[in-house]
């Protein structure tokens, strides 16, 4: 709490220059060098804008972070977020491409794999989506959410028995959630 109060004081103080305020807020000017750890300091801001569906601000922060970096490699989080924004805006194929790129950063990231599966369902590629969910379930057999999404894909693929089994398994694993 004290740290937040100090930041507010710095913002309200006329005596502080812009560089001091920006350092306290972990926001760097575009022409400053950002190390690998510093660029991730803006992830919280991107995530906040994303949760508010303010995708324009989200893109703005992501573009500033990418402009500051010296090489052309984007972070996993940046690519992942851009993929979700593309999907939300209806650019499903581009979203899948970006999510696959994000997954290439870290092939242990099951959440990204599940998002690829959701995107494949939106394009009507139900059997591919089911294969993705089976891959997730091979590593995490008690993930009720994956069973839920596999059930949706199976239902759309007209595999009603598999869909019912998936929904029942999801409900058994987490009876407090609506599946």
Protein backbone atom coordinates (compact mmCIF):
# COMPACT_ATOMS: atom_id res chain seq x y z
CA UNK A 1 0.00 0.00 0.00
CA UNK A 2 2.85 2.38 0.78
CA UNK A 3 4.35 1.79 -2.63
CA UNK A 4 1.06 2.80 -4.32
CA UNK A 5 0.84 5.93 -2.14
CA UNK A 6 4.38 6.90 -3.17
CA UNK A 7 3.50 6.50 -6.85
CA UNK A 8 0.40 8.67 -6.43
CA UNK A 9 2.45 11.33 -4.63
CA UNK A 10 5.01 11.26 -7.44
CA UNK A 11 2.32 11.68 -10.06
CA UNK A 12 0.67 14.56 -8.25
CA UNK A 13 3.92 16.29 -7.42
CA UNK A 14 4.82 19.17 -9.74
CA UNK A 15 8.44 18.85 -8.67
CA UNK A 16 8.94 15.40 -10.25
CA UNK A 17 10.06 15.18 -13.83
CA UNK A 18 8.52 12.82 -16.37
CA UNK A 19 11.40 10.34 -16.25
CA UNK A 20 11.05 9.85 -12.48
CA UNK A 21 7.31 9.25 -12.77
CA UNK A 22 7.78 6.78 -15.61
CA UNK A 23 10.43 4.87 -13.67
CA UNK A 24 8.12 4.60 -10.67
CA UNK A 25 5.27 3.32 -12.87
CA UNK A 26 7.50 0.81 -14.67
CA UNK A 27 6.63 2.45 -17.99
CA UNK A 28 9.55 3.29 -20.22
CA UNK A 29 9.74 5.79 -23.02
CA UNK A 30 9.92 4.17 -26.46
CA UNK A 31 13.50 5.29 -27.02
CA UNK A 32 14.78 3.73 -23.76
CA UNK A 33 16.43 0.31 -23.90
CA UNK A 34 14.36 -2.45 -22.35
CA UNK A 35 15.89 -5.63 -21.05
CA UNK A 36 14.02 -8.94 -21.27
CA UNK A 37 12.68 -8.51 -17.73
CA UNK A 38 11.65 -4.89 -18.20
CA UNK A 39 9.55 -5.59 -21.28
CA UNK A 40 7.48 -8.03 -19.25
CA UNK A 41 6.67 -5.29 -16.74
CA UNK A 42 4.03 -4.00 -19.15
CA UNK A 43 2.23 -7.35 -19.34
CA UNK A 44 -0.04 -6.40 -16.45
CA UNK A 45 -1.16 -3.31 -18.38
CA UNK A 46 -1.81 -5.32 -21.55
CA UNK A 47 -3.76 -7.89 -19.53
CA UNK A 48 -5.87 -5.16 -17.86
CA UNK A 49 -6.77 -3.59 -21.21
CA UNK A 50 -7.53 -7.03 -22.63
CA UNK A 51 -9.92 -7.85 -19.78
CA UNK A 52 -11.73 -4.57 -20.42
CA UNK A 53 -11.98 -5.38 -24.14
CA UNK A 54 -9.97 -2.25 -24.87
CA UNK A 55 -8.05 -3.91 -27.67
CA UNK A 56 -6.88 -0.63 -29.18
CA UNK A 57 -5.00 0.30 -25.99
CA UNK A 58 -3.80 -3.29 -25.74
CA UNK A 59 -2.30 -3.12 -29.23
CA UNK A 60 -0.83 0.30 -28.48
CA UNK A 61 1.09 -0.99 -25.46
CA UNK A 62 2.20 -4.13 -27.32
CA UNK A 63 3.44 -2.02 -30.25
CA UNK A 64 5.37 0.30 -27.92
CA UNK A 65 7.04 -2.67 -26.24
CA UNK A 66 7.95 -4.20 -29.61
CA UNK A 67 9.25 -0.84 -30.93
CA UNK A 68 11.58 -0.48 -27.96
CA UNK A 69 13.19 -3.89 -28.35
CA UNK A 70 16.41 -4.11 -30.34
CA UNK A 71 15.60 -7.43 -32.06
CA UNK A 72 12.50 -8.53 -33.97
CA UNK A 73 11.53 -11.36 -31.60
CA UNK A 74 8.25 -10.81 -29.81
CA UNK A 75 7.52 -12.30 -26.41
CA UNK A 76 5.29 -15.33 -25.95
CA UNK A 77 2.74 -13.22 -24.06
CA UNK A 78 2.66 -10.58 -26.79
CA UNK A 79 2.05 -13.10 -29.57
CA UNK A 80 -0.55 -14.95 -27.47
CA UNK A 81 -2.47 -11.76 -26.68
CA UNK A 82 -2.41 -10.64 -30.31
CA UNK A 83 -3.81 -14.04 -31.26
CA UNK A 84 -6.70 -13.72 -28.82
CA UNK A 85 -7.46 -10.21 -30.08
CA UNK A 86 -7.49 -11.47 -33.67
CA UNK A 87 -9.89 -14.25 -32.68
CA UNK A 88 -12.18 -11.84 -30.88
CA UNK A 89 -12.23 -9.62 -33.99
CA UNK A 90 -13.19 -12.57 -36.18
CA UNK A 91 -9.81 -13.16 -37.82
CA UNK A 92 -9.76 -16.81 -36.80
CA UNK A 93 -7.13 -18.11 -39.24
CA UNK A 94 -4.70 -15.34 -38.26
CA UNK A 95 -5.48 -16.05 -34.61
CA UNK A 96 -4.62 -19.73 -35.05
CA UNK A 97 -1.36 -18.78 -36.75
CA UNK A 98 -0.39 -16.46 -33.87
CA UNK A 99 -1.45 -18.95 -31.20
CA UNK A 100 0.66 -21.65 -32.87
CA UNK A 101 3.58 -19.22 -32.91
CA UNK A 102 3.02 -18.58 -29.21
CA UNK A 103 2.88 -22.33 -28.54
CA UNK A 104 6.22 -22.73 -30.33
CA UNK A 105 7.81 -20.56 -27.61
CA UNK A 106 6.75 -23.01 -24.92
CA UNK A 107 5.32 -26.37 -25.91
CA UNK A 108 4.47 -27.08 -22.27
CA UNK A 109 1.92 -24.26 -22.21
CA UNK A 110 -1.34 -26.21 -22.21
CA UNK A 111 -3.47 -23.07 -21.94
CA UNK A 112 -2.25 -21.95 -25.37
CA UNK A 113 -3.02 -25.37 -26.80
CA UNK A 114 -6.58 -25.15 -25.44
CA UNK A 115 -6.99 -21.73 -27.09
CA UNK A 116 -5.86 -23.22 -30.39
CA UNK A 117 -8.51 -25.91 -29.93
CA UNK A 118 -11.21 -23.29 -29.30
CA UNK A 119 -10.17 -21.42 -32.43
CA UNK A 120 -10.28 -24.61 -34.51
CA UNK A 121 -13.87 -25.18 -33.35
CA UNK A 122 -14.76 -21.71 -34.62
CA UNK A 123 -13.41 -22.61 -38.06
CA UNK A 124 -15.37 -25.87 -38.16
CA UNK A 125 -12.31 -28.10 -37.80
CA UNK A 126 -13.86 -30.20 -35.07
CA UNK A 127 -11.79 -33.35 -35.48
CA UNK A 128 -8.53 -31.35 -35.30
CA UNK A 129 -9.84 -29.63 -32.20
CA UNK A 130 -10.69 -32.99 -30.61
CA UNK A 131 -7.14 -34.18 -31.38
CA UNK A 132 -5.75 -31.09 -29.65
CA UNK A 133 -7.95 -31.70 -26.60
CA UNK A 134 -6.85 -35.36 -26.51
CA UNK A 135 -3.24 -34.14 -26.44
CA UNK A 136 -4.04 -31.88 -23.49
CA UNK A 137 -5.87 -34.66 -21.67
CA UNK A 138 -2.89 -36.99 -22.15
CA UNK A 139 -0.89 -34.62 -19.93
CA UNK A 140 -3.72 -33.38 -17.70
CA UNK A 141 -6.39 -36.08 -17.42
CA UNK A 142 -8.30 -34.25 -14.68
CA UNK A 143 -8.81 -30.96 -16.53
CA UNK A 144 -12.59 -30.55 -16.51
CA UNK A 145 -12.45 -27.54 -18.83
CA UNK A 146 -10.74 -29.54 -21.58
CA UNK A 147 -13.44 -32.21 -21.32
CA UNK A 148 -16.04 -29.47 -21.61
CA UNK A 149 -14.51 -28.02 -24.78
CA UNK A 150 -13.92 -31.49 -26.22
CA UNK A 151 -17.62 -32.12 -25.60
CA UNK A 152 -18.54 -28.97 -27.53
CA UNK A 153 -16.28 -29.99 -30.43
CA UNK A 154 -17.70 -33.52 -30.39
CA UNK A 155 -21.26 -32.23 -30.35
CA UNK A 156 -20.55 -30.01 -33.37
CA UNK A 157 -18.89 -33.00 -35.06
CA UNK A 158 -22.14 -34.92 -34.47
CA UNK A 159 -20.38 -37.42 -32.18
CA UNK A 160 -23.13 -37.18 -29.60
CA UNK A 161 -22.09 -40.16 -27.47
CA UNK A 162 -18.56 -38.82 -27.13
CA UNK A 163 -19.94 -35.36 -26.36
CA UNK A 164 -22.18 -36.73 -23.62
CA UNK A 165 -19.29 -38.72 -22.11
CA UNK A 166 -17.09 -35.61 -22.14
CA UNK A 167 -19.75 -33.44 -20.50
CA UNK A 168 -20.37 -36.08 -17.83
CA UNK A 169 -16.64 -36.35 -17.13
CA UNK A 170 -16.33 -32.55 -16.90
CA UNK A 171 -19.23 -32.44 -14.48
CA UNK A 172 -17.80 -35.27 -12.38
CA UNK A 173 -14.43 -33.50 -12.14
CA UNK A 174 -15.92 -30.17 -11.18
CA UNK A 175 -19.53 -30.33 -10.16
CA UNK A 176 -19.60 -26.69 -9.08
CA UNK A 177 -19.16 -25.36 -12.64
CA UNK A 178 -21.88 -25.19 -15.26
CA UNK A 179 -20.87 -27.43 -18.17
